[in-house]
N, C-alpha and C. Protein backbone atom coordinates (compact mmCIF):
# COMPACT_ATOMS: atom_id res chain seq x y z
N THR A 1 93.15 113.01 82.87
CA THR A 1 93.73 111.78 82.34
C THR A 1 94.85 111.30 83.25
N MET A 2 95.08 109.97 83.23
CA MET A 2 96.14 109.38 84.03
C MET A 2 97.30 109.01 83.14
N THR A 3 98.50 109.30 83.60
CA THR A 3 99.70 108.97 82.84
C THR A 3 100.60 108.07 83.68
N LEU A 4 101.53 107.39 83.03
CA LEU A 4 102.46 106.50 83.70
C LEU A 4 103.74 107.26 83.99
N TRP A 5 104.10 107.32 85.26
CA TRP A 5 105.28 108.06 85.67
C TRP A 5 106.17 107.18 86.52
N ILE A 6 107.43 107.63 86.62
CA ILE A 6 108.36 107.06 87.59
C ILE A 6 108.87 108.21 88.45
N LEU A 7 108.74 108.08 89.76
CA LEU A 7 109.10 109.15 90.68
C LEU A 7 110.04 108.60 91.74
N ILE A 8 111.08 109.34 92.06
CA ILE A 8 111.98 109.00 93.17
C ILE A 8 111.93 110.14 94.17
N PHE A 9 111.63 109.81 95.43
CA PHE A 9 111.46 110.84 96.46
C PHE A 9 112.36 110.52 97.65
N LYS A 10 113.07 111.52 98.14
CA LYS A 10 113.92 111.35 99.31
C LYS A 10 113.77 112.56 100.24
N SER A 11 113.64 112.26 101.54
CA SER A 11 113.63 113.31 102.56
C SER A 11 114.20 112.70 103.83
N SER A 12 114.23 113.49 104.90
CA SER A 12 114.76 112.96 106.16
C SER A 12 113.84 111.89 106.75
N GLU A 13 112.56 111.91 106.36
CA GLU A 13 111.59 110.97 106.92
C GLU A 13 111.19 109.86 105.95
N GLU A 14 111.25 110.12 104.66
CA GLU A 14 110.80 109.14 103.68
C GLU A 14 111.80 108.99 102.54
N GLU A 15 111.84 107.79 102.00
CA GLU A 15 112.64 107.53 100.81
C GLU A 15 111.97 106.41 100.04
N PHE A 16 111.46 106.75 98.85
CA PHE A 16 110.75 105.74 98.08
C PHE A 16 110.85 106.02 96.58
N ALA A 17 110.57 105.00 95.80
CA ALA A 17 110.44 105.15 94.35
C ALA A 17 109.04 104.67 93.98
N TYR A 18 108.41 105.38 93.05
CA TYR A 18 107.05 105.00 92.63
C TYR A 18 107.02 104.87 91.11
N GLU A 19 106.39 103.80 90.64
CA GLU A 19 106.14 103.69 89.21
C GLU A 19 104.68 103.26 89.03
N GLY A 20 103.99 103.98 88.18
CA GLY A 20 102.59 103.66 87.97
C GLY A 20 101.81 104.87 87.46
N GLN A 21 100.52 104.82 87.67
CA GLN A 21 99.64 105.86 87.15
C GLN A 21 99.60 107.08 88.07
N PHE A 22 99.51 108.25 87.44
CA PHE A 22 99.44 109.52 88.16
C PHE A 22 98.23 110.31 87.69
N LYS A 23 97.73 111.18 88.58
CA LYS A 23 96.70 112.13 88.20
C LYS A 23 96.83 113.35 89.11
N ASP A 24 96.88 114.51 88.52
CA ASP A 24 97.03 115.76 89.27
C ASP A 24 98.24 115.73 90.20
N GLY A 25 99.33 115.12 89.71
CA GLY A 25 100.58 115.12 90.47
C GLY A 25 100.66 114.10 91.58
N LEU A 26 99.65 113.22 91.70
CA LEU A 26 99.65 112.22 92.76
C LEU A 26 99.43 110.83 92.18
N PRO A 27 99.97 109.78 92.84
CA PRO A 27 99.66 108.43 92.39
C PRO A 27 98.15 108.18 92.40
N GLU A 28 97.67 107.69 91.29
CA GLU A 28 96.23 107.44 91.14
C GLU A 28 96.04 106.26 90.20
N GLY A 29 95.38 105.21 90.71
CA GLY A 29 95.23 104.01 89.91
C GLY A 29 96.28 102.98 90.30
N TYR A 30 96.62 102.12 89.37
CA TYR A 30 97.53 101.01 89.68
C TYR A 30 98.99 101.45 89.66
N GLY A 31 99.75 101.00 90.66
CA GLY A 31 101.16 101.35 90.69
C GLY A 31 101.92 100.55 91.72
N ARG A 32 103.20 100.87 91.82
CA ARG A 32 104.08 100.18 92.76
C ARG A 32 104.96 101.21 93.45
N LYS A 33 104.97 101.16 94.79
CA LYS A 33 105.73 102.12 95.58
C LYS A 33 106.73 101.35 96.43
N MET A 34 108.01 101.64 96.25
CA MET A 34 109.07 100.90 96.94
C MET A 34 109.71 101.79 98.00
N TYR A 35 109.47 101.44 99.27
CA TYR A 35 109.97 102.23 100.39
C TYR A 35 111.29 101.69 100.90
N GLU A 36 112.27 102.58 101.06
CA GLU A 36 113.48 102.25 101.78
C GLU A 36 113.34 102.69 103.24
N LYS A 37 112.61 103.77 103.45
CA LYS A 37 112.26 104.18 104.81
C LYS A 37 110.99 105.03 104.74
N GLY A 38 110.30 105.08 105.89
CA GLY A 38 109.06 105.86 105.94
C GLY A 38 107.86 105.05 106.39
N LEU A 39 107.90 103.72 106.22
CA LEU A 39 106.80 102.87 106.68
C LEU A 39 107.33 101.78 107.61
N GLY A 40 108.30 102.14 108.42
CA GLY A 40 108.90 101.13 109.30
C GLY A 40 109.98 100.39 108.55
N ASN A 41 109.78 99.11 108.30
CA ASN A 41 110.74 98.29 107.57
C ASN A 41 110.62 98.54 106.07
N PRO A 42 111.72 98.39 105.32
CA PRO A 42 111.64 98.52 103.86
C PRO A 42 110.59 97.57 103.29
N CYS A 43 109.79 98.09 102.37
CA CYS A 43 108.71 97.27 101.81
C CYS A 43 108.30 97.79 100.45
N VAL A 44 107.48 97.00 99.78
CA VAL A 44 106.93 97.37 98.47
C VAL A 44 105.41 97.30 98.56
N LEU A 45 104.75 98.38 98.13
CA LEU A 45 103.30 98.42 98.03
C LEU A 45 102.93 98.27 96.56
N GLN A 46 102.12 97.31 96.24
CA GLN A 46 101.72 97.11 94.86
C GLN A 46 100.21 96.92 94.79
N GLY A 47 99.56 97.81 94.04
CA GLY A 47 98.10 97.74 93.94
C GLY A 47 97.54 99.08 93.54
N TYR A 48 96.45 99.48 94.18
CA TYR A 48 95.72 100.67 93.75
C TYR A 48 95.88 101.84 94.72
N PHE A 49 96.10 103.01 94.13
CA PHE A 49 96.28 104.24 94.89
C PHE A 49 95.13 105.20 94.59
N THR A 50 94.74 105.96 95.60
CA THR A 50 93.71 106.99 95.45
C THR A 50 94.23 108.29 96.04
N LYS A 51 94.42 109.31 95.23
CA LYS A 51 94.95 110.60 95.66
C LYS A 51 96.25 110.44 96.47
N GLY A 52 97.11 109.56 95.99
CA GLY A 52 98.41 109.37 96.60
C GLY A 52 98.45 108.37 97.73
N VAL A 53 97.29 107.87 98.15
CA VAL A 53 97.21 106.93 99.28
C VAL A 53 96.95 105.52 98.77
N PHE A 54 97.68 104.57 99.33
CA PHE A 54 97.49 103.16 98.96
C PHE A 54 96.19 102.69 99.60
N ALA A 55 95.16 102.50 98.78
CA ALA A 55 93.84 102.14 99.28
C ALA A 55 93.14 101.25 98.27
N GLY A 56 92.51 100.20 98.76
CA GLY A 56 91.86 99.24 97.88
C GLY A 56 92.63 97.93 97.90
N GLU A 57 92.49 97.13 96.85
CA GLU A 57 93.15 95.83 96.81
C GLU A 57 94.64 95.97 96.49
N GLY A 58 95.45 95.20 97.21
CA GLY A 58 96.88 95.27 96.95
C GLY A 58 97.68 94.30 97.79
N VAL A 59 99.00 94.44 97.67
CA VAL A 59 99.95 93.59 98.39
C VAL A 59 101.03 94.48 98.99
N LYS A 60 101.43 94.16 100.21
CA LYS A 60 102.53 94.86 100.87
C LYS A 60 103.57 93.81 101.24
N LYS A 61 104.74 93.87 100.61
CA LYS A 61 105.78 92.87 100.83
C LYS A 61 106.98 93.49 101.52
N PHE A 62 107.51 92.77 102.51
CA PHE A 62 108.70 93.22 103.24
C PHE A 62 109.92 92.43 102.78
N LYS A 63 111.10 93.00 102.97
CA LYS A 63 112.33 92.32 102.57
C LYS A 63 112.51 91.00 103.31
N SER A 64 111.92 90.90 104.49
CA SER A 64 112.02 89.68 105.29
C SER A 64 111.22 88.53 104.68
N GLY A 65 110.35 88.84 103.70
CA GLY A 65 109.49 87.83 103.11
C GLY A 65 108.07 87.87 103.64
N GLU A 66 107.83 88.60 104.73
CA GLU A 66 106.48 88.73 105.27
C GLU A 66 105.63 89.53 104.29
N GLU A 67 104.33 89.24 104.27
CA GLU A 67 103.47 89.85 103.25
C GLU A 67 102.03 90.03 103.74
N PHE A 68 101.51 91.22 103.53
CA PHE A 68 100.07 91.48 103.70
C PHE A 68 99.43 91.46 102.32
N LYS A 69 98.25 90.87 102.24
CA LYS A 69 97.53 90.84 100.97
C LYS A 69 96.05 91.01 101.24
N GLY A 70 95.42 91.94 100.51
CA GLY A 70 93.99 92.14 100.71
C GLY A 70 93.58 93.58 100.50
N LYS A 71 92.71 94.06 101.39
CA LYS A 71 92.19 95.43 101.29
C LYS A 71 93.04 96.35 102.16
N PHE A 72 93.43 97.50 101.57
CA PHE A 72 94.26 98.46 102.29
C PHE A 72 93.50 99.75 102.56
N CYS A 73 93.80 100.34 103.72
CA CYS A 73 93.20 101.61 104.13
C CYS A 73 94.33 102.51 104.62
N GLY A 74 94.68 103.50 103.83
CA GLY A 74 95.74 104.42 104.25
C GLY A 74 97.09 103.76 104.43
N ASN A 75 97.56 103.05 103.41
CA ASN A 75 98.88 102.39 103.38
C ASN A 75 98.98 101.16 104.28
N MET A 76 97.93 100.82 105.03
CA MET A 76 97.96 99.67 105.92
C MET A 76 96.86 98.68 105.56
N CYS A 77 97.18 97.40 105.70
CA CYS A 77 96.19 96.36 105.40
C CYS A 77 95.13 96.36 106.50
N CYS A 78 93.86 96.44 106.11
CA CYS A 78 92.78 96.43 107.09
C CYS A 78 91.94 95.16 107.02
N GLU A 79 92.10 94.37 105.96
CA GLU A 79 91.39 93.11 105.84
C GLU A 79 92.09 92.22 104.82
N GLY A 80 92.34 90.98 105.19
CA GLY A 80 93.00 90.07 104.26
C GLY A 80 93.85 89.05 104.97
N THR A 81 95.07 88.81 104.45
CA THR A 81 95.96 87.81 105.03
C THR A 81 97.33 88.42 105.34
N PHE A 82 97.95 87.85 106.36
CA PHE A 82 99.34 88.20 106.70
C PHE A 82 100.12 86.90 106.74
N THR A 83 101.15 86.81 105.91
CA THR A 83 101.92 85.58 105.78
C THR A 83 103.33 85.76 106.32
N LYS A 84 103.74 84.83 107.16
CA LYS A 84 105.13 84.76 107.62
C LYS A 84 105.69 83.46 107.07
N PRO A 85 106.63 83.53 106.13
CA PRO A 85 107.12 82.33 105.43
C PRO A 85 107.53 81.20 106.38
N ASP A 86 107.11 80.00 106.03
CA ASP A 86 107.46 78.79 106.78
C ASP A 86 106.93 78.76 108.21
N GLN A 87 106.00 79.67 108.53
CA GLN A 87 105.44 79.67 109.88
C GLN A 87 103.92 79.64 109.87
N TRP A 88 103.26 80.65 109.28
CA TRP A 88 101.81 80.68 109.30
C TRP A 88 101.23 81.71 108.33
N ILE A 89 99.92 81.56 108.08
CA ILE A 89 99.14 82.56 107.36
C ILE A 89 97.98 82.94 108.26
N VAL A 90 97.80 84.22 108.50
CA VAL A 90 96.70 84.72 109.33
C VAL A 90 95.68 85.41 108.43
N GLU A 91 94.42 85.06 108.61
CA GLU A 91 93.33 85.70 107.88
C GLU A 91 92.44 86.43 108.87
N GLY A 92 92.04 87.66 108.52
CA GLY A 92 91.14 88.39 109.40
C GLY A 92 91.12 89.87 109.07
N THR A 93 90.64 90.66 110.03
CA THR A 93 90.66 92.11 109.90
C THR A 93 91.78 92.64 110.80
N PHE A 94 92.37 93.78 110.39
CA PHE A 94 93.53 94.32 111.08
C PHE A 94 93.31 95.79 111.43
N VAL A 95 93.86 96.20 112.57
CA VAL A 95 93.92 97.61 112.96
C VAL A 95 95.39 97.92 113.19
N ASP A 96 95.92 98.90 112.47
CA ASP A 96 97.36 99.20 112.51
C ASP A 96 98.17 97.94 112.20
N GLU A 97 97.62 97.10 111.30
CA GLU A 97 98.24 95.86 110.84
C GLU A 97 98.48 94.86 111.97
N LYS A 98 97.64 94.93 112.98
CA LYS A 98 97.58 93.91 114.03
C LYS A 98 96.19 93.30 114.01
N ILE A 99 96.11 91.97 114.25
CA ILE A 99 94.84 91.28 114.16
C ILE A 99 93.83 91.93 115.11
N ASN A 100 92.59 92.02 114.65
CA ASN A 100 91.54 92.67 115.42
C ASN A 100 90.46 91.65 115.78
N GLY A 101 90.64 90.99 116.93
CA GLY A 101 89.63 90.05 117.40
C GLY A 101 89.74 88.67 116.76
N ARG A 102 88.71 88.27 116.03
CA ARG A 102 88.67 86.94 115.45
C ARG A 102 89.60 86.82 114.25
N GLY A 103 90.12 85.61 114.06
CA GLY A 103 90.97 85.36 112.92
C GLY A 103 91.16 83.87 112.71
N LYS A 104 91.89 83.55 111.67
CA LYS A 104 92.18 82.16 111.34
C LYS A 104 93.67 82.04 111.05
N ILE A 105 94.34 81.10 111.73
CA ILE A 105 95.75 80.85 111.49
C ILE A 105 95.91 79.47 110.85
N THR A 106 96.54 79.42 109.70
CA THR A 106 96.92 78.16 109.08
C THR A 106 98.41 78.01 109.26
N TYR A 107 98.82 76.97 109.97
CA TYR A 107 100.23 76.81 110.34
C TYR A 107 101.02 76.15 109.20
N LYS A 108 102.24 76.66 108.99
CA LYS A 108 103.11 76.16 107.93
C LYS A 108 104.44 75.65 108.47
N SER A 109 104.59 75.64 109.78
CA SER A 109 105.85 75.23 110.38
C SER A 109 105.99 73.71 110.39
N LYS A 110 107.17 73.23 110.73
CA LYS A 110 107.50 71.82 110.59
C LYS A 110 106.52 70.90 111.32
N TYR A 111 106.25 71.16 112.59
CA TYR A 111 105.43 70.24 113.38
C TYR A 111 103.94 70.56 113.33
N LEU A 112 103.60 71.78 112.97
CA LEU A 112 102.18 72.16 112.93
C LEU A 112 101.64 72.27 111.51
N MET A 113 102.43 71.91 110.51
CA MET A 113 102.02 72.02 109.11
C MET A 113 100.63 71.41 108.89
N GLY A 114 99.71 72.22 108.36
CA GLY A 114 98.37 71.73 108.06
C GLY A 114 97.38 71.91 109.19
N SER A 115 97.85 72.30 110.37
CA SER A 115 96.94 72.55 111.50
C SER A 115 96.34 73.94 111.37
N VAL A 116 95.14 74.12 111.95
CA VAL A 116 94.43 75.40 111.83
C VAL A 116 93.82 75.79 113.17
N TYR A 117 93.95 77.05 113.53
CA TYR A 117 93.21 77.62 114.67
C TYR A 117 92.27 78.68 114.12
N GLU A 118 91.02 78.65 114.58
CA GLU A 118 90.04 79.65 114.15
C GLU A 118 89.28 80.14 115.37
N GLY A 119 89.34 81.45 115.61
CA GLY A 119 88.66 82.01 116.77
C GLY A 119 89.30 83.31 117.20
N GLU A 120 89.15 83.63 118.49
CA GLU A 120 89.68 84.88 119.03
C GLU A 120 91.20 84.80 119.18
N LEU A 121 91.86 85.91 118.84
CA LEU A 121 93.32 86.01 118.94
C LEU A 121 93.70 87.32 119.62
N ASN A 122 94.85 87.32 120.31
CA ASN A 122 95.35 88.60 120.79
C ASN A 122 96.28 89.19 119.73
N VAL A 123 96.82 90.38 119.98
CA VAL A 123 97.62 91.06 118.96
C VAL A 123 98.92 90.34 118.67
N SER A 124 99.34 89.42 119.57
CA SER A 124 100.55 88.62 119.34
C SER A 124 100.24 87.33 118.60
N LEU A 125 98.98 87.18 118.13
CA LEU A 125 98.52 86.01 117.37
C LEU A 125 98.48 84.74 118.22
N ILE A 126 98.27 84.91 119.52
CA ILE A 126 98.10 83.78 120.43
C ILE A 126 96.61 83.61 120.69
N PRO A 127 96.08 82.36 120.58
CA PRO A 127 94.67 82.14 120.88
C PRO A 127 94.28 82.67 122.25
N SER A 128 93.29 83.55 122.28
CA SER A 128 92.79 84.14 123.53
C SER A 128 91.31 84.43 123.36
N GLY A 129 90.47 83.60 124.00
CA GLY A 129 89.02 83.69 123.82
C GLY A 129 88.49 82.40 123.22
N MET A 130 87.26 82.43 122.76
CA MET A 130 86.66 81.22 122.22
C MET A 130 87.25 80.88 120.85
N GLY A 131 87.58 79.60 120.67
CA GLY A 131 88.14 79.19 119.39
C GLY A 131 88.32 77.69 119.29
N THR A 132 88.65 77.23 118.09
CA THR A 132 88.84 75.81 117.82
C THR A 132 90.19 75.58 117.16
N PHE A 133 90.95 74.65 117.74
CA PHE A 133 92.21 74.25 117.12
C PHE A 133 92.00 72.89 116.47
N SER A 134 92.31 72.79 115.19
CA SER A 134 92.19 71.54 114.44
C SER A 134 93.59 71.06 114.09
N TYR A 135 94.02 69.96 114.74
CA TYR A 135 95.35 69.42 114.51
C TYR A 135 95.39 68.72 113.16
N LYS A 136 96.57 68.62 112.60
CA LYS A 136 96.73 68.11 111.23
C LYS A 136 96.23 66.68 111.06
N ASP A 137 96.13 65.91 112.16
CA ASP A 137 95.65 64.53 112.02
C ASP A 137 94.15 64.40 112.27
N GLY A 138 93.44 65.53 112.39
CA GLY A 138 91.99 65.50 112.53
C GLY A 138 91.47 65.74 113.93
N LYS A 139 92.33 65.74 114.93
CA LYS A 139 91.89 66.00 116.30
C LYS A 139 91.53 67.48 116.47
N LYS A 140 90.49 67.74 117.27
CA LYS A 140 90.04 69.11 117.48
C LYS A 140 89.82 69.39 118.95
N LEU A 141 90.15 70.61 119.35
CA LEU A 141 89.88 71.05 120.71
C LEU A 141 89.20 72.41 120.63
N ASN A 142 87.98 72.48 121.17
CA ASN A 142 87.19 73.70 121.13
C ASN A 142 86.96 74.19 122.55
N GLY A 143 87.09 75.49 122.75
CA GLY A 143 86.85 76.02 124.09
C GLY A 143 87.34 77.44 124.26
N ASN A 144 87.47 77.84 125.52
CA ASN A 144 87.93 79.18 125.85
C ASN A 144 89.44 79.16 126.08
N TRP A 145 90.17 79.90 125.26
CA TRP A 145 91.63 79.92 125.31
C TRP A 145 92.10 81.12 126.12
N ILE A 146 93.12 80.89 126.95
CA ILE A 146 93.74 81.97 127.70
C ILE A 146 95.23 81.94 127.42
N ASP A 147 95.72 82.93 126.69
CA ASP A 147 97.14 83.01 126.32
C ASP A 147 97.67 81.70 125.75
N GLY A 148 96.91 81.09 124.83
CA GLY A 148 97.36 79.89 124.15
C GLY A 148 97.07 78.59 124.86
N LYS A 149 96.38 78.66 126.01
CA LYS A 149 96.05 77.44 126.75
C LYS A 149 94.54 77.23 126.79
N CYS A 150 94.14 75.97 126.62
CA CYS A 150 92.72 75.65 126.62
C CYS A 150 92.52 74.27 127.23
N THR A 151 91.47 74.11 128.01
CA THR A 151 91.10 72.81 128.55
C THR A 151 89.72 72.45 128.04
N GLY A 152 89.59 71.26 127.47
CA GLY A 152 88.29 70.86 126.93
C GLY A 152 88.30 69.43 126.43
N LYS A 153 87.22 69.05 125.78
CA LYS A 153 87.06 67.70 125.23
C LYS A 153 87.74 67.64 123.86
N LEU A 154 88.55 66.62 123.69
CA LEU A 154 89.26 66.43 122.42
C LEU A 154 88.43 65.50 121.54
N THR A 155 88.06 65.96 120.35
CA THR A 155 87.29 65.14 119.42
C THR A 155 88.18 64.67 118.29
N GLY A 156 87.71 63.63 117.60
CA GLY A 156 88.48 63.10 116.48
C GLY A 156 89.55 62.12 116.92
N THR A 157 89.48 61.65 118.18
CA THR A 157 90.45 60.67 118.65
C THR A 157 90.02 59.28 118.20
N ASN A 158 90.92 58.32 118.32
CA ASN A 158 90.57 56.94 117.96
C ASN A 158 89.48 56.38 118.85
N ASP A 159 89.47 56.83 120.09
CA ASP A 159 88.47 56.36 121.04
C ASP A 159 87.44 57.46 121.27
N GLU A 160 86.34 57.41 120.51
CA GLU A 160 85.33 58.45 120.62
C GLU A 160 84.58 58.39 121.95
N THR A 161 84.76 57.30 122.73
CA THR A 161 84.12 57.20 124.04
C THR A 161 84.98 57.82 125.13
N ASP A 162 86.14 58.36 124.74
CA ASP A 162 87.05 58.98 125.70
C ASP A 162 86.40 60.23 126.29
N ASP A 163 86.08 60.20 127.58
CA ASP A 163 85.42 61.34 128.23
C ASP A 163 86.41 62.20 129.01
N ASP A 164 87.68 61.85 128.96
CA ASP A 164 88.68 62.64 129.68
C ASP A 164 88.81 64.03 129.06
N MET A 165 89.20 64.98 129.88
CA MET A 165 89.47 66.33 129.41
C MET A 165 90.95 66.42 129.03
N TYR A 166 91.25 67.38 128.17
CA TYR A 166 92.64 67.59 127.74
C TYR A 166 92.99 69.05 127.90
N GLN A 167 94.23 69.28 128.21
CA GLN A 167 94.74 70.64 128.22
C GLN A 167 95.68 70.80 127.03
N CYS A 168 95.48 71.87 126.28
CA CYS A 168 96.31 72.14 125.11
C CYS A 168 97.09 73.42 125.34
N ASN A 169 98.36 73.38 125.04
CA ASN A 169 99.21 74.56 125.15
C ASN A 169 99.75 74.86 123.76
N LEU A 170 99.33 75.95 123.18
CA LEU A 170 99.64 76.28 121.79
C LEU A 170 100.27 77.65 121.70
N ASP A 171 101.37 77.77 120.96
CA ASP A 171 101.94 79.09 120.69
C ASP A 171 102.52 79.10 119.29
N LEU A 172 103.25 80.15 118.95
CA LEU A 172 103.78 80.28 117.60
C LEU A 172 105.23 79.84 117.49
N THR A 173 105.69 79.04 118.45
CA THR A 173 107.08 78.59 118.43
C THR A 173 107.18 77.17 117.88
N ASP A 174 106.24 76.81 117.02
CA ASP A 174 106.27 75.51 116.34
C ASP A 174 106.13 74.36 117.33
N SER A 175 105.25 74.52 118.31
CA SER A 175 105.05 73.43 119.25
C SER A 175 103.61 73.39 119.74
N ILE A 176 103.18 72.20 120.10
CA ILE A 176 101.86 72.02 120.72
C ILE A 176 101.94 70.80 121.62
N VAL A 177 101.30 70.89 122.75
CA VAL A 177 101.28 69.79 123.71
C VAL A 177 99.84 69.56 124.15
N PHE A 178 99.38 68.31 124.06
CA PHE A 178 98.09 67.92 124.61
C PHE A 178 98.37 67.09 125.86
N VAL A 179 97.72 67.41 126.94
CA VAL A 179 97.89 66.67 128.18
C VAL A 179 96.54 66.14 128.63
N ARG A 180 96.45 64.83 128.85
CA ARG A 180 95.19 64.20 129.30
C ARG A 180 94.97 64.49 130.78
N ILE A 181 93.74 64.80 131.13
CA ILE A 181 93.37 65.05 132.52
C ILE A 181 92.28 64.05 132.89
N PRO A 182 92.62 62.80 133.19
CA PRO A 182 91.60 61.80 133.52
C PRO A 182 90.91 62.11 134.83
N ASN A 183 89.59 62.02 134.84
CA ASN A 183 88.78 62.25 136.04
C ASN A 183 89.05 63.59 136.70
N GLY A 184 89.42 64.57 135.85
CA GLY A 184 89.64 65.92 136.36
C GLY A 184 90.95 66.12 137.07
N VAL A 185 91.82 65.09 137.10
CA VAL A 185 93.12 65.21 137.75
C VAL A 185 94.18 65.31 136.66
N ARG A 186 94.98 66.37 136.70
CA ARG A 186 95.96 66.60 135.64
C ARG A 186 97.10 65.60 135.76
N LYS A 187 97.30 64.80 134.71
CA LYS A 187 98.40 63.86 134.65
C LYS A 187 99.08 63.96 133.30
N GLU A 188 100.34 64.37 133.32
CA GLU A 188 101.06 64.46 132.06
C GLU A 188 101.49 63.07 131.64
N SER A 189 101.29 62.78 130.36
CA SER A 189 101.68 61.48 129.84
C SER A 189 102.63 61.70 128.68
N LYS A 190 103.88 61.26 128.86
CA LYS A 190 104.85 61.44 127.79
C LYS A 190 104.40 60.73 126.53
N LYS A 191 103.82 59.57 126.69
CA LYS A 191 103.32 58.83 125.54
C LYS A 191 102.24 59.63 124.83
N GLU A 192 101.34 60.24 125.61
CA GLU A 192 100.26 61.02 125.03
C GLU A 192 100.82 62.25 124.30
N VAL A 193 101.76 62.92 124.94
CA VAL A 193 102.34 64.11 124.33
C VAL A 193 103.04 63.76 123.03
N LYS A 194 103.81 62.68 123.02
CA LYS A 194 104.53 62.29 121.82
C LYS A 194 103.57 61.94 120.69
N SER A 195 102.43 61.40 121.02
CA SER A 195 101.51 60.98 119.98
C SER A 195 100.83 62.15 119.30
N PHE A 196 100.87 63.32 119.94
CA PHE A 196 100.23 64.49 119.35
C PHE A 196 101.24 65.48 118.80
N ALA A 197 102.44 65.53 119.37
CA ALA A 197 103.39 66.57 119.00
C ALA A 197 104.12 66.21 117.72
């Protein structure tokens, strides 16, 4: 049988409080584990435990406001979302809580609010590989990204006959720049940049 317990544990390596269901002396079932130390930054694990390990559906919240939500494997999120308040939400699979290959970023920052990138990402959440960036006003750039930079055809513009190529520079510092490259010659246009940024 499972009972509801409250446990406080302190050692040189770990310090946490647990409240929830127990079985055979270990957290089992639904509960909440509040770490002061032992998992890097102070955080709260809330969800399902199996033989003392946080595994299954749950949420991991940090004091900074950052949050993992989804499926957990051994105290770490392996599939779901990672949210950084006022900046972005990342959806995908994770290894050691770092994005693993493909993912989707929904931007929440001031200038990128409502924009979405979907495709390959590096562990720093910078587009790297094939992917599509959809700007909040409907413009899209699809192609091969290298460290947040991509050159390709911009769709969703007012002039659908525009055959010029564009270079996009995208990162997580709340900025994006589109540069028109008419006839394959790179020409920065302040007017063009202002109209997209």
